[in-house]
Amino acid sequence: MTIADALQLHVIAEGIEAASQVTRLLGLGCLAGQGYHLCHPLPANEIEQLLRHGGIDRTRLEAEPAVLRHAAPLRLLG
């Protein structure tokens, strides 16, 4: 994250499998990611509905309250 910030790059974490990874990524300042923990694979016709209802289910974050305050920017990516 430090190198990415220095180079002004946007980081997307891939393969998020557990709540502990979400907590760690948010603590490092990574605010975008995808993975089985955040959302199971969906048929194309269900993706629009998911996004219209705000994206990922925030209960999947299961982070400490101090970390969860910063979780709103975390978003589901393909």
N, C-alpha and C. Protein backbone atom coordinates (compact mmCIF):
# COMPACT_ATOMS: atom_id res chain seq x y z
N MET A 1 0.83 -1.19 0.00
CA MET A 1 0.00 0.00 0.00
C MET A 1 0.87 1.25 0.00
N THR A 2 2.00 1.21 0.71
CA THR A 2 2.88 2.36 0.76
C THR A 2 3.43 2.68 -0.63
N ILE A 3 3.88 1.66 -1.34
CA ILE A 3 4.41 1.87 -2.69
C ILE A 3 3.31 2.38 -3.61
N ALA A 4 2.13 1.77 -3.54
CA ALA A 4 1.02 2.19 -4.38
C ALA A 4 0.65 3.65 -4.10
N ASP A 5 0.61 4.03 -2.83
CA ASP A 5 0.31 5.42 -2.48
C ASP A 5 1.36 6.36 -3.04
N ALA A 6 2.62 5.99 -2.93
CA ALA A 6 3.71 6.83 -3.43
C ALA A 6 3.63 7.00 -4.95
N LEU A 7 3.17 5.97 -5.64
CA LEU A 7 3.04 6.02 -7.09
C LEU A 7 1.65 6.48 -7.54
N GLN A 8 0.81 6.83 -6.58
CA GLN A 8 -0.57 7.28 -6.83
C GLN A 8 -1.36 6.23 -7.63
N LEU A 9 -1.21 4.97 -7.21
CA LEU A 9 -1.92 3.87 -7.84
C LEU A 9 -3.12 3.45 -6.99
N HIS A 10 -4.15 2.98 -7.63
CA HIS A 10 -5.34 2.47 -6.96
C HIS A 10 -5.15 0.96 -6.77
N VAL A 11 -5.31 0.48 -5.54
CA VAL A 11 -5.10 -0.94 -5.23
C VAL A 11 -6.45 -1.65 -5.09
N ILE A 12 -6.55 -2.81 -5.73
CA ILE A 12 -7.72 -3.66 -5.60
C ILE A 12 -7.26 -5.02 -5.08
N ALA A 13 -7.73 -5.38 -3.89
CA ALA A 13 -7.38 -6.68 -3.32
C ALA A 13 -8.24 -7.75 -3.98
N GLU A 14 -7.61 -8.84 -4.36
CA GLU A 14 -8.33 -9.94 -5.00
C GLU A 14 -8.31 -11.18 -4.11
N GLY A 15 -9.34 -11.98 -4.21
CA GLY A 15 -9.38 -13.25 -3.51
C GLY A 15 -9.64 -13.14 -2.02
N ILE A 16 -10.45 -12.16 -1.60
CA ILE A 16 -10.77 -12.01 -0.18
C ILE A 16 -11.65 -13.19 0.23
N GLU A 17 -11.14 -13.99 1.16
CA GLU A 17 -11.82 -15.23 1.56
C GLU A 17 -12.36 -15.20 3.00
N ALA A 18 -11.94 -14.22 3.81
CA ALA A 18 -12.31 -14.23 5.23
C ALA A 18 -12.46 -12.82 5.77
N ALA A 19 -13.27 -12.69 6.82
CA ALA A 19 -13.47 -11.40 7.47
C ALA A 19 -12.16 -10.82 8.00
N SER A 20 -11.28 -11.67 8.46
CA SER A 20 -10.00 -11.18 8.98
C SER A 20 -9.19 -10.49 7.89
N GLN A 21 -9.32 -10.95 6.66
CA GLN A 21 -8.62 -10.29 5.54
C GLN A 21 -9.23 -8.92 5.27
N VAL A 22 -10.54 -8.80 5.35
CA VAL A 22 -11.20 -7.50 5.17
C VAL A 22 -10.68 -6.53 6.21
N THR A 23 -10.65 -6.96 7.47
CA THR A 23 -10.19 -6.09 8.54
C THR A 23 -8.76 -5.64 8.29
N ARG A 24 -7.90 -6.56 7.91
CA ARG A 24 -6.49 -6.23 7.66
C ARG A 24 -6.35 -5.28 6.48
N LEU A 25 -7.06 -5.54 5.41
CA LEU A 25 -6.98 -4.68 4.22
C LEU A 25 -7.45 -3.27 4.52
N LEU A 26 -8.55 -3.15 5.24
CA LEU A 26 -9.04 -1.82 5.60
C LEU A 26 -8.04 -1.10 6.49
N GLY A 27 -7.42 -1.83 7.41
CA GLY A 27 -6.40 -1.25 8.27
C GLY A 27 -5.20 -0.75 7.49
N LEU A 28 -4.90 -1.39 6.38
CA LEU A 28 -3.79 -0.98 5.52
C LEU A 28 -4.18 0.16 4.58
N GLY A 29 -5.47 0.47 4.53
CA GLY A 29 -5.93 1.54 3.66
C GLY A 29 -6.40 1.09 2.30
N CYS A 30 -6.59 -0.22 2.12
CA CYS A 30 -7.09 -0.75 0.86
C CYS A 30 -8.62 -0.71 0.91
N LEU A 31 -9.21 0.06 0.01
CA LEU A 31 -10.65 0.29 0.07
C LEU A 31 -11.43 -0.33 -1.08
N ALA A 32 -10.78 -1.18 -1.86
CA ALA A 32 -11.48 -1.84 -2.95
C ALA A 32 -11.03 -3.29 -3.02
N GLY A 33 -11.97 -4.18 -3.29
CA GLY A 33 -11.60 -5.58 -3.36
C GLY A 33 -12.71 -6.45 -3.87
N GLN A 34 -12.37 -7.69 -4.09
CA GLN A 34 -13.34 -8.68 -4.54
C GLN A 34 -12.94 -10.02 -3.94
N GLY A 35 -13.89 -10.88 -3.86
CA GLY A 35 -13.60 -12.21 -3.36
C GLY A 35 -14.85 -12.93 -2.89
N TYR A 36 -14.69 -14.21 -2.68
CA TYR A 36 -15.80 -15.08 -2.31
C TYR A 36 -16.45 -14.66 -0.99
N HIS A 37 -15.65 -14.11 -0.07
CA HIS A 37 -16.21 -13.69 1.21
C HIS A 37 -17.20 -12.53 1.04
N LEU A 38 -16.91 -11.63 0.13
CA LEU A 38 -17.77 -10.46 -0.06
C LEU A 38 -19.01 -10.78 -0.87
N CYS A 39 -18.87 -11.64 -1.86
CA CYS A 39 -20.01 -11.99 -2.69
C CYS A 39 -19.69 -13.26 -3.47
N HIS A 40 -20.60 -14.20 -3.45
CA HIS A 40 -20.45 -15.41 -4.24
C HIS A 40 -20.65 -15.06 -5.72
N PRO A 41 -20.15 -15.86 -6.61
CA PRO A 41 -20.39 -15.60 -8.03
C PRO A 41 -21.89 -15.53 -8.31
N LEU A 42 -22.26 -14.57 -9.15
CA LEU A 42 -23.68 -14.35 -9.47
C LEU A 42 -23.91 -14.44 -10.96
N PRO A 43 -25.12 -14.87 -11.35
CA PRO A 43 -25.48 -14.78 -12.76
C PRO A 43 -25.58 -13.30 -13.16
N ALA A 44 -25.33 -13.01 -14.41
CA ALA A 44 -25.32 -11.63 -14.89
C ALA A 44 -26.61 -10.88 -14.55
N ASN A 45 -27.74 -11.55 -14.61
CA ASN A 45 -29.02 -10.87 -14.35
C ASN A 45 -29.20 -10.48 -12.88
N GLU A 46 -28.39 -10.99 -11.96
CA GLU A 46 -28.51 -10.63 -10.55
C GLU A 46 -27.54 -9.53 -10.13
N ILE A 47 -26.55 -9.24 -10.96
CA ILE A 47 -25.56 -8.23 -10.60
C ILE A 47 -26.17 -6.84 -10.52
N GLU A 48 -27.01 -6.48 -11.49
CA GLU A 48 -27.65 -5.16 -11.47
C GLU A 48 -28.47 -4.98 -10.20
N GLN A 49 -29.21 -5.99 -9.80
CA GLN A 49 -30.01 -5.91 -8.58
C GLN A 49 -29.11 -5.72 -7.36
N LEU A 50 -28.00 -6.45 -7.30
CA LEU A 50 -27.06 -6.31 -6.19
C LEU A 50 -26.54 -4.87 -6.10
N LEU A 51 -26.14 -4.32 -7.21
CA LEU A 51 -25.60 -2.96 -7.22
C LEU A 51 -26.66 -1.91 -6.90
N ARG A 52 -27.88 -2.13 -7.36
CA ARG A 52 -28.97 -1.19 -7.05
C ARG A 52 -29.29 -1.16 -5.55
N HIS A 53 -29.02 -2.26 -4.86
CA HIS A 53 -29.28 -2.34 -3.42
C HIS A 53 -28.05 -2.03 -2.59
N GLY A 54 -27.06 -1.39 -3.17
CA GLY A 54 -25.92 -0.91 -2.41
C GLY A 54 -24.69 -1.80 -2.42
N GLY A 55 -24.66 -2.80 -3.25
CA GLY A 55 -23.46 -3.64 -3.35
C GLY A 55 -23.40 -4.70 -2.26
N ILE A 56 -22.22 -4.86 -1.70
CA ILE A 56 -22.00 -5.95 -0.76
C ILE A 56 -22.83 -5.81 0.51
N ASP A 57 -23.10 -6.91 1.12
CA ASP A 57 -23.80 -6.96 2.40
C ASP A 57 -22.81 -6.56 3.49
N ARG A 58 -23.04 -5.43 4.16
CA ARG A 58 -22.09 -4.92 5.15
C ARG A 58 -21.84 -5.90 6.30
N THR A 59 -22.77 -6.83 6.55
CA THR A 59 -22.52 -7.80 7.61
C THR A 59 -21.38 -8.74 7.24
N ARG A 60 -21.04 -8.83 5.95
CA ARG A 60 -19.93 -9.67 5.50
C ARG A 60 -18.59 -9.07 5.93
N LEU A 61 -18.58 -7.80 6.30
CA LEU A 61 -17.32 -7.16 6.69
C LEU A 61 -16.83 -7.65 8.05
N GLU A 62 -17.76 -7.85 9.00
CA GLU A 62 -17.44 -8.38 10.32
C GLU A 62 -16.16 -7.78 10.91
N ALA A 63 -15.98 -6.49 10.74
CA ALA A 63 -14.79 -5.82 11.26
C ALA A 63 -15.07 -5.17 12.61
N GLU A 64 -14.02 -4.81 13.29
CA GLU A 64 -14.15 -4.06 14.54
C GLU A 64 -14.85 -2.73 14.24
N PRO A 65 -15.63 -2.18 15.18
CA PRO A 65 -16.35 -0.93 14.92
C PRO A 65 -15.45 0.21 14.43
N ALA A 66 -14.24 0.33 14.95
CA ALA A 66 -13.34 1.40 14.52
C ALA A 66 -12.97 1.24 13.05
N VAL A 67 -12.82 0.01 12.60
CA VAL A 67 -12.48 -0.26 11.20
C VAL A 67 -13.72 -0.12 10.33
N LEU A 68 -14.85 -0.58 10.82
CA LEU A 68 -16.09 -0.57 10.06
C LEU A 68 -16.51 0.84 9.67
N ARG A 69 -16.18 1.85 10.49
CA ARG A 69 -16.50 3.23 10.15
C ARG A 69 -15.90 3.63 8.81
N HIS A 70 -14.77 3.02 8.46
CA HIS A 70 -14.09 3.38 7.22
C HIS A 70 -14.41 2.40 6.08
N ALA A 71 -15.34 1.49 6.32
CA ALA A 71 -15.60 0.42 5.36
C ALA A 71 -16.54 0.84 4.23
N ALA A 72 -17.26 1.92 4.40
CA ALA A 72 -18.22 2.31 3.37
C ALA A 72 -17.61 2.40 1.97
N PRO A 73 -16.36 2.89 1.81
CA PRO A 73 -15.81 2.95 0.46
C PRO A 73 -15.48 1.59 -0.14
N LEU A 74 -15.36 0.54 0.69
CA LEU A 74 -15.07 -0.78 0.14
C LEU A 74 -16.20 -1.17 -0.78
N ARG A 75 -15.87 -1.55 -1.98
CA ARG A 75 -16.92 -1.84 -2.94
C ARG A 75 -16.63 -3.14 -3.67
N LEU A 76 -17.67 -3.73 -4.14
CA LEU A 76 -17.59 -4.98 -4.87
C LEU A 76 -17.03 -4.73 -6.26
N LEU A 77 -16.02 -5.47 -6.62
CA LEU A 77 -15.45 -5.35 -7.96
C LEU A 77 -15.42 -6.73 -8.59
N GLY A 78 -15.89 -6.80 -9.86
CA GLY A 78 -15.94 -8.00 -10.67
C GLY A 78 -15.17 -9.10 -10.12
